[in-house]
Amino acid sequence: MKTEKQEISETLLLLRILQKDDNIDGNLKLQKEVFLTEQNLLRSQLGVLCYKYFRYTWGPYSKELAEKFKSLAERGFVHKTTYTLTERGIYLLEFVDGILRDYRHNSKIFEIVDSTVAKYKRYSGPQLTNIVYNTEVEAHDSPGKELKVKDIPVFTDIFVPEDFEHMAGLEFPPALLDALKAELSMDKETWESLPEKKQNALRRAKKQLLAAIAN
């Protein structure tokens, strides 16, 4: 079972992928781009993205990823139709980026995520699906043996989170982790119901927290 830290790590990296690729136009491309990013991280022994994937009709599919995107949209961090970040989502990433990059471990993760997105952002969903079909991967039930995705039987598990529980996620200062837990747990209605002065006060408090951590 994933820890809160792992869940938050996955959330931040999913938001980062959506921020870096403004050409994601639907679930098809999102599924394939996150799959390729997850594979590159796992090959580097950086198990930060650990969505469960299985071989489906159009290649690797993660129900967990689809539900995570839906949850982020419902909480007001992403637009569910354009697959872009909202103002709240953009602010969240800007809030944490500088501090997280101070950790060498995190910088390696960001480098892999950013380079993967840069490589594939120009492709459409169907084009990326064709690329993924010809990608070799080690399926969950065939350890030590790599097959092209197109040759893996339908409904076969490809990535299973429990296989990668030993891998570390992003590193956080404890105070920042607590602040992120509070931010991500606040639903869209609660946030939008806050007076503008209250929203601004919370943003100032976060900036003061970052300044304190930096010092």
N, C-alpha and C. Protein backbone atom coordinates (compact mmCIF):
# COMPACT_ATOMS: atom_id res chain seq x y z
N MET A 1 0.84 -1.20 0.00
CA MET A 1 0.00 0.00 0.00
C MET A 1 0.88 1.25 0.00
N LYS A 2 0.51 2.22 -0.83
CA LYS A 2 1.33 3.42 -0.95
C LYS A 2 1.20 4.30 0.29
N THR A 3 2.30 4.92 0.65
CA THR A 3 2.30 5.86 1.77
C THR A 3 1.80 7.23 1.29
N GLU A 4 1.50 8.11 2.26
CA GLU A 4 1.09 9.47 1.89
C GLU A 4 2.19 10.17 1.09
N LYS A 5 3.43 9.93 1.47
CA LYS A 5 4.55 10.54 0.77
C LYS A 5 4.60 10.08 -0.68
N GLN A 6 4.39 8.79 -0.92
CA GLN A 6 4.38 8.27 -2.28
C GLN A 6 3.22 8.85 -3.08
N GLU A 7 2.05 8.95 -2.45
CA GLU A 7 0.89 9.51 -3.13
C GLU A 7 1.14 10.96 -3.53
N ILE A 8 1.73 11.73 -2.63
CA ILE A 8 2.00 13.13 -2.93
C ILE A 8 3.07 13.25 -4.00
N SER A 9 4.08 12.40 -3.95
CA SER A 9 5.13 12.39 -4.99
C SER A 9 4.51 12.16 -6.36
N GLU A 10 3.64 11.16 -6.46
CA GLU A 10 2.98 10.86 -7.73
C GLU A 10 2.13 12.02 -8.21
N THR A 11 1.43 12.64 -7.29
CA THR A 11 0.57 13.76 -7.65
C THR A 11 1.38 14.92 -8.23
N LEU A 12 2.48 15.25 -7.57
CA LEU A 12 3.30 16.37 -8.03
C LEU A 12 3.92 16.07 -9.41
N LEU A 13 4.33 14.84 -9.63
CA LEU A 13 4.94 14.50 -10.92
C LEU A 13 3.89 14.44 -12.02
N LEU A 14 2.69 14.00 -11.71
CA LEU A 14 1.63 14.03 -12.71
C LEU A 14 1.31 15.48 -13.10
N LEU A 15 1.23 16.35 -12.12
CA LEU A 15 1.00 17.77 -12.42
C LEU A 15 2.15 18.34 -13.25
N ARG A 16 3.35 17.91 -12.95
CA ARG A 16 4.52 18.40 -13.70
C ARG A 16 4.45 17.97 -15.17
N ILE A 17 4.05 16.72 -15.41
CA ILE A 17 3.91 16.24 -16.78
C ILE A 17 2.88 17.06 -17.53
N LEU A 18 1.75 17.33 -16.89
CA LEU A 18 0.70 18.12 -17.52
C LEU A 18 1.16 19.56 -17.76
N GLN A 19 2.01 20.07 -16.89
CA GLN A 19 2.52 21.43 -17.06
C GLN A 19 3.51 21.49 -18.22
N LYS A 20 4.37 20.49 -18.33
CA LYS A 20 5.43 20.50 -19.34
C LYS A 20 4.92 20.17 -20.74
N ASP A 21 3.81 19.45 -20.84
CA ASP A 21 3.27 19.07 -22.15
C ASP A 21 1.90 19.70 -22.36
N ASP A 22 1.87 20.77 -23.14
CA ASP A 22 0.60 21.44 -23.41
C ASP A 22 -0.09 20.84 -24.63
N ASN A 23 0.38 19.67 -25.07
CA ASN A 23 -0.20 18.98 -26.23
C ASN A 23 -0.97 17.74 -25.81
N ILE A 24 -1.19 17.56 -24.52
CA ILE A 24 -2.01 16.44 -24.06
C ILE A 24 -3.48 16.82 -24.26
N ASP A 25 -4.16 16.06 -25.10
CA ASP A 25 -5.53 16.42 -25.46
C ASP A 25 -6.57 15.39 -25.03
N GLY A 26 -6.13 14.44 -24.20
CA GLY A 26 -7.09 13.44 -23.76
C GLY A 26 -6.42 12.32 -23.00
N ASN A 27 -7.25 11.39 -22.54
CA ASN A 27 -6.75 10.30 -21.70
C ASN A 27 -5.80 9.38 -22.45
N LEU A 28 -5.99 9.21 -23.77
CA LEU A 28 -5.13 8.30 -24.54
C LEU A 28 -3.67 8.73 -24.45
N LYS A 29 -3.41 9.99 -24.75
CA LYS A 29 -2.03 10.46 -24.70
C LYS A 29 -1.51 10.50 -23.26
N LEU A 30 -2.34 10.94 -22.33
CA LEU A 30 -1.91 11.00 -20.94
C LEU A 30 -1.46 9.62 -20.45
N GLN A 31 -2.25 8.60 -20.76
CA GLN A 31 -1.92 7.24 -20.32
C GLN A 31 -0.57 6.80 -20.87
N LYS A 32 -0.33 7.05 -22.16
CA LYS A 32 0.89 6.55 -22.79
C LYS A 32 2.11 7.36 -22.36
N GLU A 33 1.96 8.66 -22.19
CA GLU A 33 3.10 9.48 -21.79
C GLU A 33 3.51 9.20 -20.35
N VAL A 34 2.56 9.01 -19.48
CA VAL A 34 2.88 8.67 -18.10
C VAL A 34 3.50 7.28 -18.04
N PHE A 35 3.01 6.36 -18.87
CA PHE A 35 3.58 5.01 -18.91
C PHE A 35 5.06 5.06 -19.29
N LEU A 36 5.40 5.81 -20.33
CA LEU A 36 6.79 5.92 -20.77
C LEU A 36 7.66 6.59 -19.71
N THR A 37 7.09 7.59 -19.04
CA THR A 37 7.82 8.26 -17.97
C THR A 37 8.06 7.31 -16.80
N GLU A 38 7.03 6.57 -16.44
CA GLU A 38 7.16 5.60 -15.34
C GLU A 38 8.21 4.55 -15.68
N GLN A 39 8.21 4.07 -16.91
CA GLN A 39 9.19 3.07 -17.32
C GLN A 39 10.61 3.62 -17.21
N ASN A 40 10.83 4.85 -17.66
CA ASN A 40 12.17 5.44 -17.59
C ASN A 40 12.63 5.64 -16.15
N LEU A 41 11.72 6.01 -15.28
CA LEU A 41 12.06 6.17 -13.87
C LEU A 41 12.41 4.82 -13.24
N LEU A 42 11.62 3.81 -13.53
CA LEU A 42 11.87 2.49 -12.96
C LEU A 42 13.20 1.91 -13.45
N ARG A 43 13.52 2.14 -14.70
CA ARG A 43 14.79 1.66 -15.23
C ARG A 43 15.98 2.35 -14.58
N SER A 44 15.74 3.53 -14.05
CA SER A 44 16.79 4.26 -13.33
C SER A 44 16.73 4.00 -11.83
N GLN A 45 15.93 3.01 -11.42
CA GLN A 45 15.75 2.66 -10.01
C GLN A 45 15.16 3.82 -9.20
N LEU A 46 14.29 4.59 -9.85
CA LEU A 46 13.62 5.71 -9.19
C LEU A 46 12.11 5.47 -9.29
N GLY A 47 11.58 4.72 -8.36
CA GLY A 47 10.18 4.32 -8.43
C GLY A 47 9.24 5.37 -7.89
N VAL A 48 9.20 6.51 -8.52
CA VAL A 48 8.35 7.60 -8.03
C VAL A 48 6.93 7.49 -8.59
N LEU A 49 6.85 7.20 -9.88
CA LEU A 49 5.55 6.93 -10.48
C LEU A 49 5.33 5.43 -10.43
N CYS A 50 4.33 5.00 -9.69
CA CYS A 50 4.06 3.56 -9.55
C CYS A 50 2.59 3.27 -9.78
N TYR A 51 2.06 3.77 -10.90
CA TYR A 51 0.67 3.47 -11.24
C TYR A 51 0.59 2.04 -11.77
N LYS A 52 -0.44 1.34 -11.38
CA LYS A 52 -0.63 -0.02 -11.88
C LYS A 52 -1.11 0.04 -13.33
N TYR A 53 -0.36 -0.61 -14.21
CA TYR A 53 -0.72 -0.68 -15.63
C TYR A 53 -0.96 -2.12 -16.04
N PHE A 54 -1.92 -2.34 -16.93
CA PHE A 54 -2.10 -3.64 -17.53
C PHE A 54 -2.30 -3.46 -19.04
N ARG A 55 -2.06 -4.52 -19.77
CA ARG A 55 -2.20 -4.48 -21.24
C ARG A 55 -3.67 -4.47 -21.59
N TYR A 56 -4.10 -3.41 -22.27
CA TYR A 56 -5.50 -3.28 -22.64
C TYR A 56 -5.59 -3.14 -24.16
N THR A 57 -6.77 -2.82 -24.66
CA THR A 57 -7.01 -2.77 -26.10
C THR A 57 -6.05 -1.84 -26.82
N TRP A 58 -5.83 -0.65 -26.25
CA TRP A 58 -4.96 0.34 -26.86
C TRP A 58 -3.61 0.41 -26.16
N GLY A 59 -3.12 -0.72 -25.70
CA GLY A 59 -1.82 -0.74 -25.04
C GLY A 59 -1.95 -0.61 -23.53
N PRO A 60 -0.89 -0.16 -22.86
CA PRO A 60 -0.92 -0.07 -21.39
C PRO A 60 -2.00 0.91 -20.92
N TYR A 61 -2.74 0.49 -19.90
CA TYR A 61 -3.78 1.34 -19.33
C TYR A 61 -3.73 1.25 -17.82
N SER A 62 -3.92 2.40 -17.16
CA SER A 62 -3.95 2.46 -15.70
C SER A 62 -5.26 3.09 -15.23
N LYS A 63 -6.09 2.28 -14.63
CA LYS A 63 -7.33 2.81 -14.04
C LYS A 63 -6.99 3.77 -12.91
N GLU A 64 -5.93 3.45 -12.17
CA GLU A 64 -5.51 4.29 -11.05
C GLU A 64 -5.12 5.69 -11.52
N LEU A 65 -4.42 5.77 -12.65
CA LEU A 65 -4.04 7.07 -13.21
C LEU A 65 -5.26 7.86 -13.64
N ALA A 66 -6.21 7.20 -14.30
CA ALA A 66 -7.43 7.88 -14.73
C ALA A 66 -8.19 8.44 -13.53
N GLU A 67 -8.24 7.67 -12.45
CA GLU A 67 -8.94 8.13 -11.24
C GLU A 67 -8.19 9.27 -10.57
N LYS A 68 -6.84 9.25 -10.62
CA LYS A 68 -6.06 10.32 -10.02
C LYS A 68 -6.30 11.63 -10.78
N PHE A 69 -6.32 11.57 -12.11
CA PHE A 69 -6.60 12.77 -12.89
C PHE A 69 -8.00 13.31 -12.57
N LYS A 70 -8.97 12.42 -12.51
CA LYS A 70 -10.34 12.85 -12.19
C LYS A 70 -10.40 13.53 -10.83
N SER A 71 -9.68 12.97 -9.86
CA SER A 71 -9.66 13.55 -8.51
C SER A 71 -9.02 14.93 -8.52
N LEU A 72 -7.93 15.10 -9.26
CA LEU A 72 -7.27 16.40 -9.34
C LEU A 72 -8.18 17.43 -10.01
N ALA A 73 -8.95 17.00 -11.00
CA ALA A 73 -9.88 17.91 -11.66
C ALA A 73 -11.00 18.32 -10.69
N GLU A 74 -11.50 17.35 -9.94
CA GLU A 74 -12.58 17.65 -8.99
C GLU A 74 -12.10 18.59 -7.88
N ARG A 75 -10.82 18.53 -7.54
CA ARG A 75 -10.29 19.40 -6.49
C ARG A 75 -9.75 20.72 -7.04
N GLY A 76 -9.86 20.91 -8.34
CA GLY A 76 -9.54 22.21 -8.92
C GLY A 76 -8.08 22.45 -9.26
N PHE A 77 -7.31 21.38 -9.46
CA PHE A 77 -5.90 21.55 -9.83
C PHE A 77 -5.66 21.44 -11.33
N VAL A 78 -6.58 20.78 -12.04
CA VAL A 78 -6.46 20.65 -13.50
C VAL A 78 -7.84 20.85 -14.13
N HIS A 79 -7.81 21.25 -15.41
CA HIS A 79 -9.06 21.35 -16.19
C HIS A 79 -9.34 19.99 -16.81
N LYS A 80 -10.51 19.43 -16.55
CA LYS A 80 -10.79 18.06 -16.97
C LYS A 80 -10.99 17.91 -18.47
N THR A 81 -11.27 19.01 -19.19
CA THR A 81 -11.50 18.90 -20.63
C THR A 81 -10.26 19.26 -21.45
N THR A 82 -9.44 20.17 -20.96
CA THR A 82 -8.25 20.59 -21.72
C THR A 82 -6.96 19.94 -21.23
N TYR A 83 -7.02 19.24 -20.10
CA TYR A 83 -5.85 18.57 -19.53
C TYR A 83 -4.71 19.56 -19.25
N THR A 84 -5.08 20.76 -18.87
CA THR A 84 -4.10 21.78 -18.48
C THR A 84 -4.27 22.11 -17.01
N LEU A 85 -3.24 22.73 -16.42
CA LEU A 85 -3.32 23.09 -15.02
C LEU A 85 -4.17 24.34 -14.83
N THR A 86 -4.89 24.36 -13.72
CA THR A 86 -5.60 25.57 -13.33
C THR A 86 -4.61 26.50 -12.63
N GLU A 87 -5.08 27.68 -12.29
CA GLU A 87 -4.25 28.62 -11.53
C GLU A 87 -3.78 27.98 -10.22
N ARG A 88 -4.66 27.22 -9.60
CA ARG A 88 -4.31 26.57 -8.33
C ARG A 88 -3.22 25.51 -8.56
N GLY A 89 -3.32 24.76 -9.65
CA GLY A 89 -2.30 23.75 -9.95
C GLY A 89 -0.96 24.37 -10.25
N ILE A 90 -0.96 25.45 -11.02
CA ILE A 90 0.29 26.15 -11.35
C ILE A 90 0.94 26.69 -10.08
N TYR A 91 0.13 27.28 -9.22
CA TYR A 91 0.67 27.84 -7.97
C TYR A 91 1.29 26.75 -7.11
N LEU A 92 0.64 25.59 -7.05
CA LEU A 92 1.16 24.51 -6.22
C LEU A 92 2.56 24.09 -6.69
N LEU A 93 2.75 23.94 -8.00
CA LEU A 93 4.06 23.55 -8.50
C LEU A 93 5.10 24.63 -8.26
N GLU A 94 4.73 25.88 -8.46
CA GLU A 94 5.66 26.98 -8.21
C GLU A 94 6.04 27.03 -6.74
N PHE A 95 5.10 26.67 -5.89
CA PHE A 95 5.31 26.69 -4.45
C PHE A 95 6.40 25.71 -4.01
N VAL A 96 6.44 24.55 -4.65
CA VAL A 96 7.36 23.51 -4.17
C VAL A 96 8.64 23.37 -4.99
N ASP A 97 8.66 23.88 -6.22
CA ASP A 97 9.74 23.55 -7.15
C ASP A 97 11.13 23.87 -6.62
N GLY A 98 11.33 25.09 -6.15
CA GLY A 98 12.66 25.50 -5.72
C GLY A 98 13.21 24.66 -4.59
N ILE A 99 12.39 24.40 -3.58
CA ILE A 99 12.84 23.63 -2.43
C ILE A 99 13.12 22.18 -2.81
N LEU A 100 12.24 21.57 -3.61
CA LEU A 100 12.45 20.17 -3.98
C LEU A 100 13.70 19.98 -4.81
N ARG A 101 14.03 20.96 -5.63
CA ARG A 101 15.23 20.85 -6.47
C ARG A 101 16.51 20.90 -5.65
N ASP A 102 16.43 21.39 -4.43
CA ASP A 102 17.62 21.44 -3.58
C ASP A 102 18.11 20.04 -3.21
N TYR A 103 17.24 19.05 -3.36
CA TYR A 103 17.62 17.68 -3.08
C TYR A 103 18.16 17.04 -4.37
N ARG A 104 19.38 16.54 -4.33
CA ARG A 104 19.99 15.95 -5.52
C ARG A 104 19.15 14.80 -6.06
N HIS A 105 18.60 14.01 -5.15
CA HIS A 105 17.76 12.87 -5.55
C HIS A 105 16.57 13.36 -6.38
N ASN A 106 15.93 14.45 -5.95
CA ASN A 106 14.78 14.99 -6.67
C ASN A 106 15.19 15.52 -8.04
N SER A 107 16.35 16.16 -8.12
CA SER A 107 16.81 16.72 -9.39
C SER A 107 16.94 15.63 -10.45
N LYS A 108 17.41 14.45 -10.06
CA LYS A 108 17.53 13.34 -11.00
C LYS A 108 16.15 12.92 -11.52
N ILE A 109 15.19 12.90 -10.60
CA ILE A 109 13.83 12.53 -10.98
C ILE A 109 13.25 13.54 -11.96
N PHE A 110 13.38 14.82 -11.64
CA PHE A 110 12.86 15.88 -12.52
C PHE A 110 13.52 15.82 -13.89
N GLU A 111 14.80 15.52 -13.92
CA GLU A 111 15.52 15.46 -15.19
C GLU A 111 14.95 14.36 -16.09
N ILE A 112 14.65 13.20 -15.51
CA ILE A 112 14.09 12.10 -16.29
C ILE A 112 12.68 12.43 -16.76
N VAL A 113 11.87 12.99 -15.87
CA VAL A 113 10.50 13.37 -16.23
C VAL A 113 10.51 14.40 -17.35
N ASP A 114 11.31 15.46 -17.19
CA ASP A 114 11.33 16.54 -18.17
C ASP A 114 11.86 16.08 -19.52
N SER A 115 12.89 15.24 -19.51
CA SER A 115 13.47 14.77 -20.78
C SER A 115 12.51 13.84 -21.51
N THR A 116 11.77 13.01 -20.75
CA THR A 116 10.79 12.12 -21.37
C THR A 116 9.66 12.92 -22.01
N VAL A 117 9.16 13.90 -21.29
CA VAL A 117 8.08 14.73 -21.83
C VAL A 117 8.56 15.51 -23.05
N ALA A 118 9.77 16.06 -22.99
CA ALA A 118 10.31 16.81 -24.12
C ALA A 118 10.42 15.93 -25.37
N LYS A 119 10.73 14.66 -25.16
CA LYS A 119 10.89 13.73 -26.28
C LYS A 119 9.57 13.40 -26.95
N TYR A 120 8.50 13.30 -26.16
CA TYR A 120 7.24 12.79 -26.68
C TYR A 120 6.12 13.82 -26.81
N LYS A 121 6.31 15.03 -26.37
CA LYS A 121 5.21 16.00 -26.36
C LYS A 121 4.70 16.34 -27.76
N ARG A 122 5.54 16.21 -28.78
CA ARG A 122 5.10 16.58 -30.13
C ARG A 122 4.18 15.53 -30.76
N TYR A 123 4.08 14.37 -30.14
CA TYR A 123 3.26 13.30 -30.71
C TYR A 123 1.81 13.39 -30.23
N SER A 124 0.91 12.96 -31.09
CA SER A 124 -0.50 12.85 -30.71
C SER A 124 -0.71 11.55 -29.93
N GLY A 125 -1.91 11.39 -29.40
CA GLY A 125 -2.23 10.16 -28.67
C GLY A 125 -2.06 8.91 -29.53
N PRO A 126 -2.66 8.86 -30.73
CA PRO A 126 -2.49 7.67 -31.59
C PRO A 126 -1.04 7.43 -31.98
N GLN A 127 -0.28 8.50 -32.27
CA GLN A 127 1.13 8.33 -32.61
C GLN A 127 1.92 7.75 -31.44
N LEU A 128 1.63 8.24 -30.25
CA LEU A 128 2.33 7.75 -29.07
C LEU A 128 1.94 6.30 -28.77
N THR A 129 0.71 5.95 -29.08
CA THR A 129 0.28 4.57 -28.89
C THR A 129 1.11 3.63 -29.76
N ASN A 130 1.37 4.03 -31.00
CA ASN A 130 2.20 3.20 -31.89
C ASN A 130 3.62 3.05 -31.35
N ILE A 131 4.15 4.12 -30.78
CA ILE A 131 5.49 4.06 -30.19
C ILE A 131 5.51 3.09 -29.02
N VAL A 132 4.48 3.19 -28.17
CA VAL A 132 4.42 2.33 -26.99
C VAL A 132 4.26 0.87 -27.38
N TYR A 133 3.47 0.60 -28.42
CA TYR A 133 3.28 -0.78 -28.87
C TYR A 133 4.62 -1.47 -29.17
N ASN A 134 5.59 -0.69 -29.66
CA ASN A 134 6.88 -1.26 -30.05
C ASN A 134 7.95 -1.08 -28.98
N THR A 135 7.53 -0.63 -27.79
CA THR A 135 8.45 -0.48 -26.67
C THR A 135 8.57 -1.80 -25.93
N GLU A 136 9.78 -2.17 -25.58
CA GLU A 136 9.99 -3.41 -24.83
C GLU A 136 9.89 -3.14 -23.34
N VAL A 137 9.21 -4.02 -22.64
CA VAL A 137 8.98 -3.84 -21.22
C VAL A 137 8.96 -5.21 -20.54
N GLU A 138 9.33 -5.21 -19.27
CA GLU A 138 9.30 -6.44 -18.48
C GLU A 138 7.95 -6.52 -17.76
N ALA A 139 7.11 -7.43 -18.20
CA ALA A 139 5.79 -7.56 -17.60
C ALA A 139 5.89 -8.17 -16.20
N HIS A 140 4.89 -7.89 -15.39
CA HIS A 140 4.88 -8.34 -14.00
C HIS A 140 5.02 -9.86 -13.88
N ASP A 141 4.35 -10.59 -14.76
CA ASP A 141 4.34 -12.05 -14.68
C ASP A 141 5.51 -12.70 -15.42
N SER A 142 6.38 -11.88 -16.04
CA SER A 142 7.53 -12.43 -16.77
C SER A 142 8.82 -11.71 -16.37
N PRO A 143 9.20 -11.82 -15.08
CA PRO A 143 10.41 -11.13 -14.62
C PRO A 143 11.65 -11.60 -15.38
N GLY A 144 12.50 -10.64 -15.73
CA GLY A 144 13.73 -10.96 -16.43
C GLY A 144 13.56 -11.15 -17.92
N LYS A 145 12.35 -11.00 -18.41
CA LYS A 145 12.08 -11.18 -19.85
C LYS A 145 11.35 -9.96 -20.39
N GLU A 146 11.93 -9.31 -21.39
CA GLU A 146 11.30 -8.14 -21.98
C GLU A 146 10.59 -8.51 -23.27
N LEU A 147 9.39 -8.01 -23.41
CA LEU A 147 8.58 -8.20 -24.62
C LEU A 147 8.10 -6.86 -25.11
N LYS A 148 7.87 -6.78 -26.42
CA LYS A 148 7.22 -5.58 -26.93
C LYS A 148 5.79 -5.56 -26.41
N VAL A 149 5.30 -4.37 -26.12
CA VAL A 149 3.95 -4.25 -25.56
C VAL A 149 2.93 -4.93 -26.45
N LYS A 150 3.08 -4.81 -27.76
CA LYS A 150 2.11 -5.41 -28.68
C LYS A 150 2.08 -6.94 -28.58
N ASP A 151 3.14 -7.54 -28.03
CA ASP A 151 3.20 -9.00 -27.91
C ASP A 151 2.76 -9.50 -26.54
N ILE A 152 2.42 -8.59 -25.64
CA ILE A 152 1.95 -8.98 -24.31
C ILE A 152 0.46 -9.27 -24.38
N PRO A 153 0.00 -10.40 -23.86
CA PRO A 153 -1.43 -10.73 -23.91
C PRO A 153 -2.30 -9.67 -23.23
N VAL A 154 -3.48 -9.46 -23.78
CA VAL A 154 -4.42 -8.50 -23.20
C VAL A 154 -4.78 -8.90 -21.78
N PHE A 155 -4.90 -7.88 -20.91
CA PHE A 155 -5.23 -8.01 -19.48
C PHE A 155 -4.07 -8.52 -18.63
N THR A 156 -2.89 -8.63 -19.22
CA THR A 156 -1.71 -8.99 -18.43
C THR A 156 -1.19 -7.77 -17.69
N ASP A 157 -0.89 -7.94 -16.39
CA ASP A 157 -0.31 -6.83 -15.62
C ASP A 157 1.09 -6.52 -16.14
N ILE A 158 1.37 -5.22 -16.28
CA ILE A 158 2.70 -4.78 -16.72
C ILE A 158 3.47 -4.20 -15.53
N PHE A 159 2.93 -3.13 -14.96
CA PHE A 159 3.53 -2.55 -13.76
C PHE A 159 2.59 -2.79 -12.58
N VAL A 160 3.14 -3.27 -11.48
CA VAL A 160 2.37 -3.47 -10.26
C VAL A 160 3.09 -2.73 -9.13
N PRO A 161 2.45 -1.77 -8.48
CA PRO A 161 3.12 -0.94 -7.46
C PRO A 161 3.85 -1.72 -6.39
N GLU A 162 3.29 -2.86 -5.98
CA GLU A 162 3.92 -3.63 -4.90
C GLU A 162 5.32 -4.11 -5.27
N ASP A 163 5.61 -4.20 -6.57
CA ASP A 163 6.94 -4.63 -6.99
C ASP A 163 8.01 -3.56 -6.75
N PHE A 164 7.55 -2.33 -6.52
CA PHE A 164 8.50 -1.22 -6.45
C PHE A 164 8.41 -0.46 -5.13
N GLU A 165 7.85 -1.09 -4.10
CA GLU A 165 7.67 -0.43 -2.81
C GLU A 165 9.01 -0.06 -2.17
N HIS A 166 10.08 -0.78 -2.56
CA HIS A 166 11.39 -0.51 -1.95
C HIS A 166 12.04 0.76 -2.51
N MET A 167 11.51 1.28 -3.59
CA MET A 167 12.11 2.46 -4.22
C MET A 167 11.60 3.73 -3.56
N ALA A 168 12.49 4.69 -3.40
CA ALA A 168 12.13 5.93 -2.71
C ALA A 168 11.42 6.89 -3.65
N GLY A 169 10.57 7.73 -3.09
CA GLY A 169 9.91 8.77 -3.87
C GLY A 169 10.68 10.07 -3.78
N LEU A 170 9.99 11.17 -3.95
CA LEU A 170 10.62 12.48 -3.77
C LEU A 170 10.99 12.68 -2.31
N GLU A 171 12.00 13.52 -2.08
CA GLU A 171 12.39 13.87 -0.72
C GLU A 171 11.77 15.22 -0.36
N PHE A 172 11.20 15.30 0.84
CA PHE A 172 10.54 16.51 1.31
C PHE A 172 11.06 16.91 2.69
N PRO A 173 11.23 18.19 2.96
CA PRO A 173 11.37 18.61 4.36
C PRO A 173 10.06 18.30 5.07
N PRO A 174 10.08 17.84 6.31
CA PRO A 174 8.83 17.46 7.00
C PRO A 174 7.77 18.55 7.00
N ALA A 175 8.18 19.80 7.20
CA ALA A 175 7.20 20.89 7.23
C ALA A 175 6.52 21.07 5.88
N LEU A 176 7.28 20.90 4.81
CA LEU A 176 6.71 21.03 3.47
C LEU A 176 5.74 19.89 3.18
N LEU A 177 6.08 18.69 3.61
CA LEU A 177 5.19 17.55 3.40
C LEU A 177 3.85 17.78 4.10
N ASP A 178 3.89 18.31 5.30
CA ASP A 178 2.65 18.61 6.04
C ASP A 178 1.82 19.66 5.30
N ALA A 179 2.48 20.68 4.76
CA ALA A 179 1.78 21.74 4.04
C ALA A 179 1.14 21.19 2.76
N LEU A 180 1.83 20.29 2.08
CA LEU A 180 1.29 19.69 0.86
C LEU A 180 0.09 18.80 1.17
N LYS A 181 0.16 18.06 2.25
CA LYS A 181 -0.96 17.22 2.65
C LYS A 181 -2.20 18.08 2.88
N ALA A 182 -2.02 19.22 3.54
CA ALA A 182 -3.15 20.11 3.81
C ALA A 182 -3.70 20.71 2.52
N GLU A 183 -2.80 21.11 1.62
CA GLU A 183 -3.22 21.73 0.37
C GLU A 183 -3.98 20.74 -0.51
N LEU A 184 -3.45 19.54 -0.65
CA LEU A 184 -4.05 18.56 -1.55
C LEU A 184 -5.34 17.97 -1.00
N SER A 185 -5.54 18.06 0.31
CA SER A 185 -6.76 17.52 0.90
C SER A 185 -7.92 18.51 0.84
N MET A 186 -7.64 19.78 0.53
CA MET A 186 -8.70 20.79 0.46
C MET A 186 -9.41 20.69 -0.88
N ASP A 187 -10.72 20.46 -0.84
CA ASP A 187 -11.45 20.29 -2.09
C ASP A 187 -11.70 21.65 -2.76
N LYS A 188 -12.13 21.57 -4.01
CA LYS A 188 -12.32 22.77 -4.83
C LYS A 188 -13.34 23.72 -4.23
N GLU A 189 -14.44 23.18 -3.74
CA GLU A 189 -15.50 24.02 -3.19
C GLU A 189 -15.02 24.78 -1.96
N THR A 190 -14.26 24.11 -1.11
CA THR A 190 -13.75 24.77 0.10
C THR A 190 -12.80 25.89 -0.28
N TRP A 191 -11.90 25.61 -1.23
CA TRP A 191 -10.94 26.63 -1.65
C TRP A 191 -11.64 27.83 -2.26
N GLU A 192 -12.59 27.57 -3.16
CA GLU A 192 -13.27 28.67 -3.85
C GLU A 192 -14.20 29.44 -2.93
N SER A 193 -14.61 28.83 -1.82
CA SER A 193 -15.50 29.51 -0.88
C SER A 193 -14.73 30.45 0.06
N LEU A 194 -13.40 30.29 0.09
CA LEU A 194 -12.61 31.16 0.95
C LEU A 194 -12.58 32.57 0.37
N PRO A 195 -12.72 33.59 1.21
CA PRO A 195 -12.58 34.97 0.72
C PRO A 195 -11.19 35.17 0.13
N GLU A 196 -11.08 36.10 -0.80
CA GLU A 196 -9.79 36.34 -1.46
C GLU A 196 -8.70 36.69 -0.44
N LYS A 197 -9.06 37.41 0.60
CA LYS A 197 -8.08 37.76 1.62
C LYS A 197 -7.54 36.51 2.31
N LYS A 198 -8.42 35.55 2.55
CA LYS A 198 -8.00 34.30 3.19
C LYS A 198 -7.10 33.51 2.26
N GLN A 199 -7.44 33.45 0.97
CA GLN A 199 -6.59 32.75 0.01
C GLN A 199 -5.20 33.38 -0.05
N ASN A 200 -5.17 34.70 -0.08
CA ASN A 200 -3.88 35.40 -0.14
C ASN A 200 -3.08 35.18 1.14
N ALA A 201 -3.78 35.12 2.27
CA ALA A 201 -3.10 34.89 3.54
C ALA A 201 -2.46 33.50 3.57
N LEU A 202 -3.17 32.51 3.03
CA LEU A 202 -2.61 31.16 2.97
C LEU A 202 -1.40 31.12 2.05
N ARG A 203 -1.45 31.84 0.93
CA ARG A 203 -0.31 31.87 0.03
C ARG A 203 0.90 32.54 0.69
N ARG A 204 0.64 33.61 1.43
CA ARG A 204 1.76 34.28 2.13
C ARG A 204 2.36 33.35 3.18
N ALA A 205 1.51 32.61 3.86
CA ALA A 205 2.00 31.68 4.89
C ALA A 205 2.89 30.60 4.25
N LYS A 206 2.52 30.15 3.07
CA LYS A 206 3.32 29.14 2.38
C LYS A 206 4.68 29.72 1.97
N LYS A 207 4.66 30.95 1.48
CA LYS A 207 5.94 31.58 1.11
C LYS A 207 6.84 31.76 2.32
N GLN A 208 6.26 32.11 3.44
CA GLN A 208 7.04 32.25 4.66
C GLN A 208 7.60 30.91 5.10
N LEU A 209 6.81 29.84 4.91
CA LEU A 209 7.29 28.49 5.24
C LEU A 209 8.47 28.13 4.36
N LEU A 210 8.38 28.39 3.07
CA LEU A 210 9.49 28.08 2.17
C LEU A 210 10.73 28.86 2.54
N ALA A 211 10.56 30.13 2.88
CA ALA A 211 11.69 30.94 3.27
C ALA A 211 12.37 30.39 4.52
N ALA A 212 11.53 29.93 5.45
CA ALA A 212 12.08 29.36 6.70
C ALA A 212 12.84 28.08 6.42
N ILE A 213 12.29 27.24 5.52
CA ILE A 213 12.96 25.98 5.17
C ILE A 213 14.28 26.27 4.48
N ALA A 214 14.26 27.25 3.57
CA ALA A 214 15.47 27.59 2.82
C ALA A 214 16.59 28.08 3.72
N ASN A 215 16.21 28.71 4.81
CA ASN A 215 17.22 29.25 5.74
C ASN A 215 17.66 28.20 6.76
